[in-house]
Amino acid sequence: MKVRANNWYTYRPALYDVIDPCTTLASGERVQVRKVRGCPPPNVMNHAHVFDTSGKFRGLVSTHSLVREYPCLPTDNFAA
């Protein structure tokens, strides 16, 4: 899966991240992919650097372990 920098994803570890974890993330945690200065951009060799909701670097994960979060639709009824 191709990921984009500065977007939010849910971490669901794929087999590669289960066998060789490079992070302490738990399944279901919300993470943001970022471009780290001096490091390859996201998607190089199907990996990305992820940060948690507090902005702390959490590790390098396979892009196959990231599930895209979509914005919630409003529940209000709109007047037509």
C-alpha atoms as a PDB file:
ATOM      1  CA  MET A   1       0.000   0.000   0.000  1.00  0.00           C
ATOM      2  CA  LYS A   2       1.254   3.453  -0.824  1.00  0.00           C
ATOM      3  CA  VAL A   3       1.125   5.934   2.048  1.00  0.00           C
ATOM      4  CA  ARG A   4       1.404   9.707   2.061  1.00  0.00           C
ATOM      5  CA  ALA A   5       3.328  11.885   4.475  1.00  0.00           C
ATOM      6  CA  ASN A   6       1.305  13.800   7.100  1.00  0.00           C
ATOM      7  CA  ASN A   7      -1.717  11.497   6.800  1.00  0.00           C
ATOM      8  CA  TRP A   8      -3.147   9.513   9.716  1.00  0.00           C
ATOM      9  CA  TYR A   9      -3.343   5.711   9.686  1.00  0.00           C
ATOM     10  CA  THR A  10      -4.292   2.867  12.006  1.00  0.00           C
ATOM     11  CA  TYR A  11      -1.490   0.419  12.731  1.00  0.00           C
ATOM     12  CA  ARG A  12      -2.449  -3.221  12.052  1.00  0.00           C
ATOM     13  CA  PRO A  13       0.782  -5.253  11.974  1.00  0.00           C
ATOM     14  CA  ALA A  14       1.390  -7.291   8.856  1.00  0.00           C
ATOM     15  CA  LEU A  15       3.419 -10.510   9.001  1.00  0.00           C
ATOM     16  CA  TYR A  16       6.709  -8.680   8.407  1.00  0.00           C
ATOM     17  CA  ASP A  17       6.143  -6.393  11.433  1.00  0.00           C
ATOM     18  CA  VAL A  18       5.074  -9.349  13.580  1.00  0.00           C
ATOM     19  CA  ILE A  19       8.235 -11.332  12.766  1.00  0.00           C
ATOM     20  CA  ASP A  20      10.701  -8.411  12.905  1.00  0.00           C
ATOM     21  CA  PRO A  21       9.180  -5.554  14.917  1.00  0.00           C
ATOM     22  CA  CYS A  22      11.011  -2.215  14.690  1.00  0.00           C
ATOM     23  CA  THR A  23       8.477  -0.479  16.914  1.00  0.00           C
ATOM     24  CA  THR A  24       6.624  -0.844  20.201  1.00  0.00           C
ATOM     25  CA  LEU A  25       3.243   0.007  18.667  1.00  0.00           C
ATOM     26  CA  ALA A  26       0.213  -2.058  19.586  1.00  0.00           C
ATOM     27  CA  SER A  27      -2.368  -3.116  17.034  1.00  0.00           C
ATOM     28  CA  GLY A  28      -5.036  -0.470  16.543  1.00  0.00           C
ATOM     29  CA  GLU A  29      -2.934   2.542  17.534  1.00  0.00           C
ATOM     30  CA  ARG A  30      -3.383   5.744  15.552  1.00  0.00           C
ATOM     31  CA  VAL A  31      -0.176   6.953  13.856  1.00  0.00           C
ATOM     32  CA  GLN A  32       0.939   9.660  11.451  1.00  0.00           C
ATOM     33  CA  VAL A  33       3.396   9.041   8.615  1.00  0.00           C
ATOM     34  CA  ARG A  34       5.993  11.785   8.336  1.00  0.00           C
ATOM     35  CA  LYS A  35       9.007  12.555   6.186  1.00  0.00           C
ATOM     36  CA  VAL A  36      12.021  12.565   8.518  1.00  0.00           C
ATOM     37  CA  ARG A  37      14.870  14.866   7.575  1.00  0.00           C
ATOM     38  CA  GLY A  38      17.914  12.920   6.395  1.00  0.00           C
ATOM     39  CA  CYS A  39      15.928   9.693   5.895  1.00  0.00           C
ATOM     40  CA  PRO A  40      14.333   8.196   2.784  1.00  0.00           C
ATOM     41  CA  PRO A  41      10.752   9.335   2.080  1.00  0.00           C
ATOM     42  CA  PRO A  42       7.745   7.112   2.812  1.00  0.00           C
ATOM     43  CA  ASN A  43       7.256   4.070   0.523  1.00  0.00           C
ATOM     44  CA  VAL A  44      10.961   3.460  -0.116  1.00  0.00           C
ATOM     45  CA  MET A  45      11.243  -0.323   0.170  1.00  0.00           C
ATOM     46  CA  ASN A  46       7.601  -0.320   1.424  1.00  0.00           C
ATOM     47  CA  HIS A  47       8.454   1.262   4.789  1.00  0.00           C
ATOM     48  CA  ALA A  48       7.507   4.504   6.546  1.00  0.00           C
ATOM     49  CA  HIS A  49       8.480   6.390   9.695  1.00  0.00           C
ATOM     50  CA  VAL A  50       5.509   6.790  12.064  1.00  0.00           C
ATOM     51  CA  PHE A  51       4.729   9.126  14.947  1.00  0.00           C
ATOM     52  CA  ASP A  52       2.031   8.774  17.616  1.00  0.00           C
ATOM     53  CA  THR A  53      -0.680  11.308  18.486  1.00  0.00           C
ATOM     54  CA  SER A  54       1.644  13.162  20.867  1.00  0.00           C
ATOM     55  CA  GLY A  55       4.235  13.648  18.098  1.00  0.00           C
ATOM     56  CA  LYS A  56       6.727  11.108  19.449  1.00  0.00           C
ATOM     57  CA  PHE A  57       8.651   8.997  16.925  1.00  0.00           C
ATOM     58  CA  ARG A  58       7.485   5.379  17.250  1.00  0.00           C
ATOM     59  CA  GLY A  59       9.534   3.555  14.639  1.00  0.00           C
ATOM     60  CA  LEU A  60       9.850   2.257  11.110  1.00  0.00           C
ATOM     61  CA  VAL A  61       6.992   0.043   9.914  1.00  0.00           C
ATOM     62  CA  SER A  62       5.946  -1.716   6.741  1.00  0.00           C
ATOM     63  CA  THR A  63       3.427   0.249   4.711  1.00  0.00           C
ATOM     64  CA  HIS A  64       1.325  -2.928   4.533  1.00  0.00           C
ATOM     65  CA  SER A  65       0.698  -2.525   8.277  1.00  0.00           C
ATOM     66  CA  LEU A  66      -0.980   0.865   7.855  1.00  0.00           C
ATOM     67  CA  VAL A  67      -4.722   1.180   7.250  1.00  0.00           C
ATOM     68  CA  ARG A  68      -5.974   4.553   5.995  1.00  0.00           C
ATOM     69  CA  GLU A  69      -8.278   6.543   8.266  1.00  0.00           C
ATOM     70  CA  TYR A  70     -11.048   8.406   6.522  1.00  0.00           C
ATOM     71  CA  PRO A  71     -12.675  11.508   7.974  1.00  0.00           C
ATOM     72  CA  CYS A  72     -15.926  10.860   9.789  1.00  0.00           C
ATOM     73  CA  LEU A  73     -19.048  11.978   8.052  1.00  0.00           C
ATOM     74  CA  PRO A  74     -21.171  14.465   9.989  1.00  0.00           C
ATOM     75  CA  THR A  75     -24.260  13.022  11.620  1.00  0.00           C
ATOM     76  CA  ASP A  76     -26.231  16.274  11.379  1.00  0.00           C
ATOM     77  CA  ASN A  77     -29.072  16.464   8.923  1.00  0.00           C
ATOM     78  CA  PHE A  78     -28.432  19.112   6.330  1.00  0.00           C
ATOM     79  CA  ALA A  79     -31.276  21.279   5.114  1.00  0.00           C
ATOM     80  CA  ALA A  80     -31.697  20.973   1.393  1.00  0.00           C
END
